[in-house]
């Protein structure tokens, strides 16, 4: 804890977290490698990891599937299929609500795609070692949806990573046989109250992520 009672950050900054993650990922991949930051929370971290690894960087657009009173139950990435928590077993009366939630996620992705990439398509992953990166993972669904989508592009391999995650996320990745690199795995299912030392302003983080993504030409 700091003197003012604020929890000590796990990493001094997102850039530092990305660089450290990049060094670990470098040991698990071979060139050609393409790092893909999950929007918006993985973009800055993936960009700095790619810089540390000396490889290309891009973003992958993903959105959570949320249902009223239930919260996050899955995610969609780009134009891929929805990945839903297998523990969620909707009654017949909820099927329409589930379809509406998936449609909302797809609409959000269309909007986000214009903000983060404009009219530019995502870089091809064919034949590359694709690495999907997010920031502070307390749910696995965006990353798992990204894995499902990226696999349709016929990469040589797919690896995932994050500077911080929970043990439950790590277990979900393992259950789906997804290689996952994470320097800081936490037992608390809520994650860490302050994973990065940067100012915690979601709007500012989102704006920085858009700027970083647009620079990935």
Protein backbone atom coordinates (compact mmCIF):
# COMPACT_ATOMS: atom_id res chain seq x y z
CA UNK A 1 0.00 0.00 0.00
CA UNK A 2 1.10 3.60 -0.55
CA UNK A 3 1.18 6.16 2.23
CA UNK A 4 -2.24 7.45 1.23
CA UNK A 5 -3.79 3.98 1.44
CA UNK A 6 -3.86 3.52 -2.33
CA UNK A 7 -2.78 0.02 -3.41
CA UNK A 8 0.66 -0.28 -4.99
CA UNK A 9 0.51 -0.79 -8.74
CA UNK A 10 1.74 -4.13 -10.06
CA UNK A 11 3.44 -2.34 -12.98
CA UNK A 12 4.58 1.30 -13.05
CA UNK A 13 2.92 1.82 -16.44
CA UNK A 14 1.14 0.04 -19.29
CA UNK A 15 4.22 0.57 -21.43
CA UNK A 16 6.40 -1.17 -18.85
CA UNK A 17 3.88 -4.00 -18.52
CA UNK A 18 3.87 -4.42 -22.29
CA UNK A 19 7.65 -4.49 -22.49
CA UNK A 20 7.88 -7.15 -19.76
CA UNK A 21 5.18 -9.24 -21.38
CA UNK A 22 6.95 -8.87 -24.73
CA UNK A 23 10.16 -10.28 -23.29
CA UNK A 24 8.30 -13.36 -22.07
CA UNK A 25 6.41 -13.78 -25.33
CA UNK A 26 9.66 -13.53 -27.26
CA UNK A 27 10.74 -16.81 -25.66
CA UNK A 28 7.52 -18.54 -26.81
CA UNK A 29 7.29 -17.44 -30.44
CA UNK A 30 9.32 -17.35 -33.64
CA UNK A 31 9.22 -14.96 -36.56
CA UNK A 32 7.15 -14.00 -38.41
CA UNK A 33 5.10 -12.82 -35.43
CA UNK A 34 2.10 -10.51 -35.39
CA UNK A 35 0.87 -9.06 -32.09
CA UNK A 36 -2.83 -8.21 -31.91
CA UNK A 37 -4.08 -5.96 -29.11
CA UNK A 38 -7.65 -6.60 -28.00
CA UNK A 39 -9.56 -3.31 -28.04
CA UNK A 40 -9.49 -1.19 -26.05
CA UNK A 41 -7.61 -2.52 -23.02
CA UNK A 42 -4.92 -4.53 -24.78
CA UNK A 43 -3.90 -2.00 -27.43
CA UNK A 44 -1.22 0.02 -25.62
CA UNK A 45 0.21 -3.06 -23.98
CA UNK A 46 0.38 -5.01 -27.25
CA UNK A 47 2.04 -2.07 -29.03
CA UNK A 48 4.82 -1.91 -26.44
CA UNK A 49 5.18 -5.70 -26.39
CA UNK A 50 5.57 -5.67 -30.19
CA UNK A 51 8.22 -2.98 -29.91
CA UNK A 52 10.13 -5.08 -27.36
CA UNK A 53 9.88 -8.10 -29.67
CA UNK A 54 10.67 -6.23 -32.88
CA UNK A 55 7.56 -7.49 -34.66
CA UNK A 56 4.42 -6.15 -36.33
CA UNK A 57 1.42 -4.91 -34.38
CA UNK A 58 -2.28 -4.52 -35.09
CA UNK A 59 -5.57 -4.50 -33.20
CA UNK A 60 -8.43 -6.97 -33.04
CA UNK A 61 -11.89 -5.61 -32.32
CA UNK A 62 -13.90 -7.46 -29.70
CA UNK A 63 -16.98 -6.81 -27.57
CA UNK A 64 -18.46 -8.55 -24.56
CA UNK A 65 -21.87 -10.17 -24.73
CA UNK A 66 -23.82 -8.89 -21.72
CA UNK A 67 -27.26 -9.79 -20.44
CA UNK A 68 -29.37 -7.89 -17.96
CA UNK A 69 -29.01 -9.20 -14.41
CA UNK A 70 -26.36 -11.67 -15.56
CA UNK A 71 -23.50 -9.44 -16.69
CA UNK A 72 -20.83 -10.73 -19.07
CA UNK A 73 -21.62 -14.16 -20.47
CA UNK A 74 -19.33 -14.23 -23.52
CA UNK A 75 -17.84 -12.16 -26.33
CA UNK A 76 -17.55 -11.68 -30.08
CA UNK A 77 -14.40 -10.71 -32.04
CA UNK A 78 -14.46 -9.10 -35.50
CA UNK A 79 -16.81 -11.13 -37.73
CA UNK A 80 -16.34 -14.36 -35.80
CA UNK A 81 -18.91 -16.42 -33.98
CA UNK A 82 -19.96 -15.60 -30.44
CA UNK A 83 -18.10 -17.46 -27.70
CA UNK A 84 -20.44 -18.03 -24.76
CA UNK A 85 -19.63 -19.26 -21.26
CA UNK A 86 -20.49 -22.98 -21.31
CA UNK A 87 -21.84 -22.63 -17.76
CA UNK A 88 -24.53 -20.31 -19.08
CA UNK A 89 -27.50 -22.49 -19.96
CA UNK A 90 -30.31 -20.18 -21.07
CA UNK A 91 -33.90 -21.24 -20.69
CA UNK A 92 -36.03 -21.08 -23.83
CA UNK A 93 -37.45 -17.76 -22.62
CA UNK A 94 -33.96 -16.22 -22.69
CA UNK A 95 -32.97 -17.25 -26.20
CA UNK A 96 -34.34 -14.09 -27.82
CA UNK A 97 -32.60 -11.94 -25.21
CA UNK A 98 -29.35 -13.80 -25.87
CA UNK A 99 -29.67 -13.21 -29.61
CA UNK A 100 -30.32 -9.50 -28.96
CA UNK A 101 -27.23 -9.31 -26.73
CA UNK A 102 -25.07 -10.89 -29.43
CA UNK A 103 -26.48 -8.47 -32.01
CA UNK A 104 -25.60 -5.51 -29.76
CA UNK A 105 -22.04 -6.80 -29.47
CA UNK A 106 -21.78 -7.09 -33.26
CA UNK A 107 -23.07 -3.55 -33.73
CA UNK A 108 -20.56 -2.28 -31.20
CA UNK A 109 -17.76 -4.02 -33.12
CA UNK A 110 -18.77 -2.27 -36.35
CA UNK A 111 -18.53 1.11 -34.61
CA UNK A 112 -15.27 0.27 -32.88
CA UNK A 113 -13.73 -0.96 -36.12
CA UNK A 114 -14.18 2.47 -37.70
CA UNK A 115 -12.70 4.20 -34.66
CA UNK A 116 -9.68 1.93 -34.25
CA UNK A 117 -8.85 1.00 -37.86
CA UNK A 118 -10.93 3.23 -40.11
CA UNK A 119 -11.38 1.54 -43.48
CA UNK A 120 -8.14 -0.42 -43.17
CA UNK A 121 -8.55 -4.21 -42.84
CA UNK A 122 -6.73 -6.12 -40.15
CA UNK A 123 -3.33 -7.44 -41.17
CA UNK A 124 -3.40 -10.99 -42.50
CA UNK A 125 -2.43 -13.65 -39.99
CA UNK A 126 -1.92 -16.38 -42.59
CA UNK A 127 1.33 -18.21 -41.92
CA UNK A 128 2.26 -15.96 -38.99
CA UNK A 129 2.64 -16.74 -35.32
CA UNK A 130 -0.30 -14.71 -34.04
CA UNK A 131 -0.16 -13.38 -30.47
CA UNK A 132 -3.36 -12.00 -28.93
CA UNK A 133 -2.75 -9.58 -26.05
CA UNK A 134 -5.05 -7.97 -23.50
CA UNK A 135 -4.37 -6.02 -20.32
CA UNK A 136 -5.99 -6.94 -16.99
CA UNK A 137 -8.02 -10.10 -17.51
CA UNK A 138 -10.78 -11.04 -15.08
CA UNK A 139 -12.85 -12.77 -17.78
CA UNK A 140 -11.42 -14.77 -20.71
CA UNK A 141 -14.18 -14.26 -23.26
CA UNK A 142 -12.78 -11.46 -25.43
CA UNK A 143 -9.47 -13.25 -25.80
CA UNK A 144 -11.13 -16.60 -26.49
CA UNK A 145 -13.41 -15.01 -29.09
CA UNK A 146 -10.31 -13.44 -30.67
CA UNK A 147 -8.62 -16.86 -30.77
CA UNK A 148 -11.65 -18.37 -32.52
CA UNK A 149 -11.63 -15.65 -35.15
CA UNK A 150 -7.86 -15.64 -35.71
CA UNK A 151 -7.78 -19.40 -36.24
CA UNK A 152 -10.00 -18.96 -39.30
CA UNK A 153 -7.16 -16.95 -40.89
CA UNK A 154 -4.84 -20.00 -40.87
CA UNK A 155 -1.96 -18.71 -38.73
CA UNK A 156 1.01 -20.99 -38.06
CA UNK A 157 0.24 -20.77 -34.33
CA UNK A 158 -1.78 -18.78 -31.82
CA UNK A 159 -0.52 -17.63 -28.42
CA UNK A 160 -2.33 -15.38 -25.95
CA UNK A 161 -0.96 -13.13 -23.24
CA UNK A 162 -1.71 -10.48 -20.63
CA UNK A 163 0.39 -8.78 -17.94
CA UNK A 164 -2.26 -9.54 -15.28
CA UNK A 165 -4.99 -12.15 -15.02
CA UNK A 166 -6.86 -14.18 -12.46
CA UNK A 167 -6.34 -17.85 -11.78
CA UNK A 168 -9.84 -18.59 -13.09
CA UNK A 169 -8.92 -16.99 -16.44
CA UNK A 170 -5.74 -19.07 -16.59
CA UNK A 171 -7.77 -22.21 -15.91
CA UNK A 172 -10.27 -21.35 -18.65
CA UNK A 173 -7.44 -20.91 -21.14
CA UNK A 174 -5.92 -24.22 -20.12
CA UNK A 175 -9.28 -26.01 -20.39
CA UNK A 176 -9.53 -24.86 -24.02
CA UNK A 177 -5.89 -25.73 -24.69
CA UNK A 178 -5.00 -22.12 -25.47
CA UNK A 179 -1.38 -21.20 -24.76
CA UNK A 180 -1.43 -18.32 -22.30
CA UNK A 181 1.53 -16.22 -21.11
CA UNK A 182 0.96 -14.09 -18.01
CA UNK A 183 3.63 -12.80 -15.59
CA UNK A 184 1.14 -11.96 -12.79
CA UNK A 185 -1.62 -14.48 -12.01
CA UNK A 186 -3.87 -13.51 -9.08
CA UNK A 187 -6.04 -15.68 -6.88
CA UNK A 188 -8.65 -12.93 -6.34
CA UNK A 189 -11.36 -13.39 -9.01
CA UNK A 190 -11.78 -9.62 -9.07
CA UNK A 191 -8.20 -9.11 -10.17
CA UNK A 192 -6.00 -6.30 -8.89
CA UNK A 193 -7.39 -2.91 -7.81
CA UNK A 194 -4.53 -1.06 -9.52
CA UNK A 195 -2.68 -3.20 -12.07
CA UNK A 196 -0.94 -0.25 -13.75
CA UNK A 197 0.55 2.92 -12.34
CA UNK A 198 -0.84 5.12 -15.13
CA UNK A 199 -3.79 7.35 -14.21
CA UNK A 200 -6.93 5.23 -14.19
CA UNK A 201 -9.26 7.05 -16.55
CA UNK A 202 -11.08 4.69 -18.95
CA UNK A 203 -11.93 7.53 -21.34
CA UNK A 204 -8.31 8.65 -21.56
CA UNK A 205 -7.11 5.05 -21.96
CA UNK A 206 -9.60 4.52 -24.76
CA UNK A 207 -8.48 7.69 -26.55
CA UNK A 208 -4.80 6.70 -26.26
CA UNK A 209 -5.67 3.24 -27.59
CA UNK A 210 -7.40 4.70 -30.64
CA UNK A 211 -4.39 6.92 -31.39
CA UNK A 212 -2.00 3.96 -31.03
CA UNK A 213 -4.20 1.74 -33.20
CA UNK A 214 -4.52 4.34 -35.95
CA UNK A 215 -0.70 4.60 -36.06
CA UNK A 216 -0.42 0.88 -36.92
CA UNK A 217 -0.30 1.41 -40.66
